[in-house]
N, C-alpha and C. Protein backbone atom coordinates (compact mmCIF):
# COMPACT_ATOMS: atom_id res chain seq x y z
N UNK A 1 2.73 -0.47 -2.12
CA UNK A 1 2.10 0.34 -3.15
C UNK A 1 0.78 0.88 -2.60
N UNK A 2 0.75 2.15 -2.20
CA UNK A 2 -0.46 2.72 -1.64
C UNK A 2 -1.50 3.04 -2.71
N UNK A 3 -1.12 2.99 -3.97
CA UNK A 3 -2.09 3.23 -5.04
C UNK A 3 -3.20 2.18 -5.03
N UNK A 4 -2.88 0.95 -4.62
CA UNK A 4 -3.91 -0.10 -4.53
C UNK A 4 -4.96 0.29 -3.48
N UNK A 5 -4.53 0.76 -2.33
CA UNK A 5 -5.50 1.15 -1.30
C UNK A 5 -6.28 2.39 -1.72
N UNK A 6 -5.65 3.28 -2.48
CA UNK A 6 -6.39 4.44 -3.02
C UNK A 6 -7.51 3.97 -3.94
N UNK A 7 -7.20 3.00 -4.80
CA UNK A 7 -8.22 2.47 -5.72
C UNK A 7 -9.33 1.75 -4.98
N UNK A 8 -8.99 1.05 -3.91
CA UNK A 8 -10.02 0.39 -3.10
C UNK A 8 -10.94 1.44 -2.46
N UNK A 9 -10.38 2.55 -2.03
CA UNK A 9 -11.19 3.63 -1.47
C UNK A 9 -12.07 4.27 -2.54
N UNK A 10 -11.53 4.43 -3.74
CA UNK A 10 -12.32 4.97 -4.84
C UNK A 10 -13.51 4.06 -5.12
N UNK A 11 -13.27 2.75 -5.21
CA UNK A 11 -14.35 1.81 -5.47
C UNK A 11 -15.39 1.84 -4.35
N UNK A 12 -14.94 1.93 -3.13
CA UNK A 12 -15.87 2.01 -2.00
C UNK A 12 -16.76 3.25 -2.12
N UNK A 13 -16.18 4.37 -2.51
CA UNK A 13 -16.94 5.59 -2.71
C UNK A 13 -17.95 5.43 -3.85
N UNK A 14 -17.51 4.81 -4.94
CA UNK A 14 -18.41 4.58 -6.08
C UNK A 14 -19.60 3.71 -5.66
N UNK A 15 -19.33 2.68 -4.89
CA UNK A 15 -20.40 1.78 -4.44
C UNK A 15 -21.37 2.49 -3.51
N UNK A 16 -20.84 3.31 -2.59
CA UNK A 16 -21.70 4.07 -1.68
C UNK A 16 -22.57 5.06 -2.45
N UNK A 17 -21.98 5.75 -3.41
CA UNK A 17 -22.73 6.73 -4.18
C UNK A 17 -23.74 6.07 -5.12
N UNK A 18 -23.47 4.85 -5.54
CA UNK A 18 -24.43 4.12 -6.39
C UNK A 18 -25.75 3.94 -5.64
N UNK A 19 -25.67 3.67 -4.36
CA UNK A 19 -26.87 3.51 -3.54
C UNK A 19 -27.58 4.86 -3.37
N UNK A 20 -26.81 5.89 -3.06
CA UNK A 20 -27.38 7.22 -2.81
C UNK A 20 -27.96 7.83 -4.08
N UNK A 21 -27.24 7.70 -5.20
CA UNK A 21 -27.65 8.36 -6.43
C UNK A 21 -28.36 7.44 -7.42
N UNK A 22 -28.54 6.19 -7.03
CA UNK A 22 -29.32 5.23 -7.82
C UNK A 22 -28.75 4.98 -9.22
N UNK A 23 -27.49 4.61 -9.29
CA UNK A 23 -26.94 4.13 -10.56
C UNK A 23 -26.41 2.72 -10.36
N UNK A 24 -26.28 1.99 -11.46
CA UNK A 24 -25.88 0.59 -11.36
C UNK A 24 -24.57 0.27 -12.07
N UNK A 25 -24.08 1.23 -12.85
CA UNK A 25 -22.86 0.99 -13.61
C UNK A 25 -22.07 2.28 -13.76
N UNK A 26 -20.76 2.17 -13.57
CA UNK A 26 -19.87 3.32 -13.78
C UNK A 26 -19.20 3.13 -15.13
N UNK A 27 -19.32 4.13 -15.99
CA UNK A 27 -18.75 4.08 -17.33
C UNK A 27 -17.35 4.72 -17.36
N UNK A 28 -17.23 5.88 -16.74
CA UNK A 28 -15.95 6.60 -16.72
C UNK A 28 -15.78 7.31 -15.38
N UNK A 29 -14.55 7.30 -14.88
CA UNK A 29 -14.18 8.02 -13.66
C UNK A 29 -13.10 9.03 -14.03
N UNK A 30 -13.34 10.29 -13.66
CA UNK A 30 -12.33 11.34 -13.84
C UNK A 30 -11.74 11.65 -12.48
N UNK A 31 -10.44 11.47 -12.34
CA UNK A 31 -9.74 11.78 -11.11
C UNK A 31 -8.87 13.01 -11.31
N UNK A 32 -8.91 13.90 -10.36
CA UNK A 32 -8.04 15.06 -10.35
C UNK A 32 -6.91 14.72 -9.38
N UNK A 33 -5.67 14.72 -9.88
CA UNK A 33 -4.52 14.34 -9.06
C UNK A 33 -3.49 15.45 -9.11
N UNK A 34 -3.16 15.98 -7.96
CA UNK A 34 -2.16 17.04 -7.87
C UNK A 34 -0.75 16.50 -8.05
N UNK A 35 0.10 17.33 -8.60
CA UNK A 35 1.50 16.96 -8.82
C UNK A 35 2.23 16.68 -7.52
N UNK A 36 1.72 17.23 -6.41
CA UNK A 36 2.36 17.05 -5.11
C UNK A 36 1.63 16.04 -4.24
N UNK A 37 0.70 15.28 -4.82
CA UNK A 37 -0.12 14.34 -4.05
C UNK A 37 0.62 13.05 -3.70
N UNK A 38 1.74 12.81 -4.32
CA UNK A 38 2.50 11.59 -4.02
C UNK A 38 1.88 10.35 -4.62
N UNK A 39 1.18 10.50 -5.73
CA UNK A 39 0.52 9.37 -6.39
C UNK A 39 1.26 9.07 -7.69
N UNK A 40 1.66 7.81 -7.83
CA UNK A 40 2.29 7.35 -9.08
C UNK A 40 1.16 6.98 -10.03
N UNK A 41 0.97 7.77 -11.07
CA UNK A 41 -0.20 7.64 -11.94
C UNK A 41 -0.25 6.29 -12.64
N UNK A 42 0.86 5.80 -13.14
CA UNK A 42 0.84 4.51 -13.84
C UNK A 42 0.51 3.37 -12.88
N UNK A 43 1.02 3.44 -11.65
CA UNK A 43 0.68 2.43 -10.64
C UNK A 43 -0.80 2.51 -10.28
N UNK A 44 -1.34 3.73 -10.26
CA UNK A 44 -2.77 3.90 -9.98
C UNK A 44 -3.61 3.29 -11.09
N UNK A 45 -3.22 3.52 -12.35
CA UNK A 45 -3.96 2.93 -13.48
C UNK A 45 -3.95 1.40 -13.40
N UNK A 46 -2.78 0.84 -13.13
CA UNK A 46 -2.64 -0.61 -13.01
C UNK A 46 -3.53 -1.14 -11.88
N UNK A 47 -3.47 -0.49 -10.73
CA UNK A 47 -4.26 -0.91 -9.57
C UNK A 47 -5.75 -0.77 -9.82
N UNK A 48 -6.15 0.29 -10.50
CA UNK A 48 -7.57 0.53 -10.79
C UNK A 48 -8.13 -0.64 -11.60
N UNK A 49 -7.39 -1.07 -12.63
CA UNK A 49 -7.86 -2.18 -13.46
C UNK A 49 -8.04 -3.46 -12.66
N UNK A 50 -7.20 -3.67 -11.67
CA UNK A 50 -7.31 -4.87 -10.83
C UNK A 50 -8.47 -4.76 -9.86
N UNK A 51 -8.57 -3.63 -9.19
CA UNK A 51 -9.57 -3.45 -8.14
C UNK A 51 -11.00 -3.47 -8.67
N UNK A 52 -11.24 -2.94 -9.88
CA UNK A 52 -12.62 -2.82 -10.36
C UNK A 52 -13.19 -4.12 -10.95
N UNK A 53 -12.36 -5.14 -11.12
CA UNK A 53 -12.87 -6.41 -11.67
C UNK A 53 -14.02 -6.94 -10.81
N UNK A 54 -15.11 -7.30 -11.48
CA UNK A 54 -16.28 -7.86 -10.80
C UNK A 54 -17.13 -6.84 -10.06
N UNK A 55 -16.88 -5.55 -10.26
CA UNK A 55 -17.64 -4.52 -9.55
C UNK A 55 -18.54 -3.76 -10.53
N UNK A 56 -19.27 -2.79 -10.00
CA UNK A 56 -20.12 -1.96 -10.85
C UNK A 56 -19.30 -1.07 -11.78
N UNK A 57 -17.99 -1.02 -11.57
CA UNK A 57 -17.10 -0.20 -12.41
C UNK A 57 -16.19 -1.07 -13.27
N UNK A 58 -16.58 -2.33 -13.48
CA UNK A 58 -15.69 -3.30 -14.13
C UNK A 58 -15.13 -2.83 -15.47
N UNK A 59 -15.91 -2.24 -16.30
CA UNK A 59 -15.42 -1.82 -17.62
C UNK A 59 -15.17 -0.31 -17.69
N UNK A 60 -15.11 0.33 -16.53
CA UNK A 60 -14.99 1.79 -16.50
C UNK A 60 -13.65 2.28 -17.01
N UNK A 61 -13.70 3.39 -17.71
CA UNK A 61 -12.48 4.07 -18.12
C UNK A 61 -12.00 4.97 -16.99
N UNK A 62 -10.70 5.20 -16.96
CA UNK A 62 -10.12 6.08 -15.95
C UNK A 62 -9.43 7.23 -16.66
N UNK A 63 -9.90 8.44 -16.40
CA UNK A 63 -9.31 9.64 -16.97
C UNK A 63 -8.62 10.41 -15.84
N UNK A 64 -7.39 10.81 -16.09
CA UNK A 64 -6.61 11.53 -15.08
C UNK A 64 -6.46 13.00 -15.49
N UNK A 65 -6.81 13.88 -14.59
CA UNK A 65 -6.61 15.31 -14.78
C UNK A 65 -5.48 15.71 -13.83
N UNK A 66 -4.34 16.06 -14.40
CA UNK A 66 -3.20 16.43 -13.57
C UNK A 66 -3.26 17.91 -13.20
N UNK A 67 -3.11 18.18 -11.92
CA UNK A 67 -3.17 19.54 -11.39
C UNK A 67 -1.76 19.94 -10.95
N UNK A 68 -1.26 21.08 -11.42
CA UNK A 68 0.09 21.49 -11.04
C UNK A 68 0.17 21.88 -9.56
N UNK A 69 1.36 21.76 -9.01
CA UNK A 69 1.59 22.19 -7.64
C UNK A 69 1.64 23.72 -7.55
N UNK A 70 1.09 24.25 -6.49
CA UNK A 70 1.08 25.70 -6.27
C UNK A 70 1.57 25.97 -4.85
N UNK A 71 2.27 27.06 -4.69
CA UNK A 71 2.75 27.45 -3.36
C UNK A 71 2.81 28.97 -3.25
N UNK A 72 2.80 29.43 -2.01
CA UNK A 72 2.98 30.84 -1.72
C UNK A 72 4.34 30.99 -1.08
N UNK A 73 5.16 31.89 -1.61
CA UNK A 73 6.50 32.12 -1.11
C UNK A 73 6.44 33.19 -0.02
N UNK A 74 6.88 32.83 1.17
CA UNK A 74 6.83 33.78 2.29
C UNK A 74 7.73 35.01 2.08
N UNK A 75 8.98 34.84 1.67
CA UNK A 75 9.84 36.03 1.51
C UNK A 75 9.40 36.99 0.40
N UNK A 76 9.04 36.47 -0.78
CA UNK A 76 8.71 37.39 -1.88
C UNK A 76 7.21 37.61 -2.06
N UNK A 77 6.38 36.83 -1.34
CA UNK A 77 4.94 37.04 -1.38
C UNK A 77 4.26 36.65 -2.68
N UNK A 78 4.91 35.85 -3.50
CA UNK A 78 4.35 35.45 -4.79
C UNK A 78 3.70 34.08 -4.71
N UNK A 79 2.63 33.89 -5.49
CA UNK A 79 2.07 32.57 -5.71
C UNK A 79 2.82 31.99 -6.90
N UNK A 80 3.41 30.80 -6.72
CA UNK A 80 4.27 30.22 -7.74
C UNK A 80 3.91 28.77 -8.01
N UNK A 81 4.23 28.32 -9.22
CA UNK A 81 4.08 26.91 -9.57
C UNK A 81 5.31 26.17 -9.05
N UNK A 82 5.09 25.00 -8.46
CA UNK A 82 6.20 24.18 -7.95
C UNK A 82 6.06 22.76 -8.47
N UNK A 83 7.18 22.12 -8.68
CA UNK A 83 7.21 20.75 -9.20
C UNK A 83 7.33 19.71 -8.10
N UNK A 84 7.85 20.12 -6.94
CA UNK A 84 8.06 19.18 -5.84
C UNK A 84 7.98 19.91 -4.51
N UNK A 85 7.69 19.15 -3.47
CA UNK A 85 7.71 19.71 -2.12
C UNK A 85 9.15 20.05 -1.76
N UNK A 86 9.33 21.04 -0.96
CA UNK A 86 10.64 21.44 -0.45
C UNK A 86 11.57 21.93 -1.56
N UNK A 87 10.99 22.30 -2.70
CA UNK A 87 11.78 22.90 -3.77
C UNK A 87 12.03 24.36 -3.45
N UNK A 88 12.56 25.06 -4.41
CA UNK A 88 12.82 26.48 -4.20
C UNK A 88 11.87 27.33 -5.01
N UNK A 89 11.67 28.54 -4.56
CA UNK A 89 10.82 29.49 -5.26
C UNK A 89 11.48 29.85 -6.58
N UNK A 90 10.74 29.74 -7.69
CA UNK A 90 11.33 30.09 -8.97
C UNK A 90 11.57 31.60 -9.13
N UNK A 91 10.99 32.40 -8.24
CA UNK A 91 11.16 33.86 -8.30
C UNK A 91 12.38 34.34 -7.52
N UNK A 92 12.52 33.84 -6.26
CA UNK A 92 13.59 34.38 -5.41
C UNK A 92 14.57 33.34 -4.89
N UNK A 93 14.28 32.04 -5.11
CA UNK A 93 15.19 30.99 -4.67
C UNK A 93 14.99 30.53 -3.23
N UNK A 94 14.06 31.12 -2.52
CA UNK A 94 13.81 30.74 -1.13
C UNK A 94 13.20 29.34 -1.05
N UNK A 95 13.40 28.69 0.09
CA UNK A 95 12.78 27.39 0.34
C UNK A 95 11.62 27.52 1.33
N UNK A 96 11.23 28.74 1.64
CA UNK A 96 10.13 28.98 2.56
C UNK A 96 8.82 29.07 1.79
N UNK A 97 8.38 27.93 1.33
CA UNK A 97 7.15 27.86 0.54
C UNK A 97 6.04 27.20 1.33
N UNK A 98 4.86 27.74 1.20
CA UNK A 98 3.67 27.15 1.81
C UNK A 98 2.82 26.60 0.66
N UNK A 99 2.61 25.29 0.64
CA UNK A 99 1.83 24.65 -0.42
C UNK A 99 0.38 25.12 -0.33
N UNK A 100 -0.15 25.56 -1.47
CA UNK A 100 -1.54 26.04 -1.51
C UNK A 100 -2.42 25.23 -2.46
N UNK A 101 -1.84 24.34 -3.25
CA UNK A 101 -2.64 23.54 -4.17
C UNK A 101 -1.81 22.47 -4.86
N UNK A 102 -2.52 21.53 -5.44
CA UNK A 102 -1.85 20.46 -6.17
C UNK A 102 -1.35 19.34 -5.28
N UNK A 103 -1.87 19.25 -4.06
CA UNK A 103 -1.43 18.19 -3.15
C UNK A 103 -2.57 17.23 -2.79
N UNK A 104 -3.63 17.25 -3.59
CA UNK A 104 -4.79 16.42 -3.29
C UNK A 104 -5.15 15.51 -4.47
N UNK A 105 -6.01 14.56 -4.17
CA UNK A 105 -6.60 13.70 -5.20
C UNK A 105 -8.09 13.63 -4.90
N UNK A 106 -8.90 13.77 -5.93
CA UNK A 106 -10.35 13.68 -5.72
C UNK A 106 -11.04 13.16 -6.97
N UNK A 107 -12.20 12.59 -6.75
CA UNK A 107 -13.04 12.18 -7.88
C UNK A 107 -13.70 13.46 -8.38
N UNK A 108 -13.38 13.81 -9.60
CA UNK A 108 -13.87 15.06 -10.19
C UNK A 108 -15.25 14.88 -10.83
N UNK A 109 -15.41 13.74 -11.54
CA UNK A 109 -16.64 13.54 -12.31
C UNK A 109 -16.83 12.05 -12.55
N UNK A 110 -18.08 11.65 -12.70
CA UNK A 110 -18.43 10.27 -13.07
C UNK A 110 -19.39 10.27 -14.24
N UNK A 111 -19.25 9.27 -15.08
CA UNK A 111 -20.26 8.97 -16.09
C UNK A 111 -20.85 7.64 -15.66
N UNK A 112 -22.15 7.62 -15.44
CA UNK A 112 -22.82 6.44 -14.91
C UNK A 112 -24.06 6.08 -15.71
N UNK A 113 -24.53 4.89 -15.50
CA UNK A 113 -25.81 4.43 -16.09
C UNK A 113 -26.69 3.92 -14.99
C-alpha cells in the first residue's frame, strides 16, 4: 500500500514547513489528487489517520479535492477529459493521448495554528 508512504511524506512536509513558517499545529490539510495519480483515496484517508497520531497534525482533518484527468489527442488535436490512462479519446476513439493533467497529488492548502 503506497498510500502509507505518501502520508509519511505529507507528514514530513508538514513538519518541515512548521519550522519554516512557524506553526505548531495543523488543523486541516487540503490535498489535490488527480484521477490519474494512482492514489486510492479511501486507503489514503485510512493511512493518514494512522500516520498523524502523535504528530503536530494529530487531530487534523483531511479534505480531498479530486482533479479530473486531462489529455491532448494527437490525431484530432482536442483537449479531452479522460477517466483512465491508455483509454480512448471521447471525440475520435484514438488511443494516442498525451496526458496533460490530473496525474499529480499535491498539498493545496493548510489551516494551521
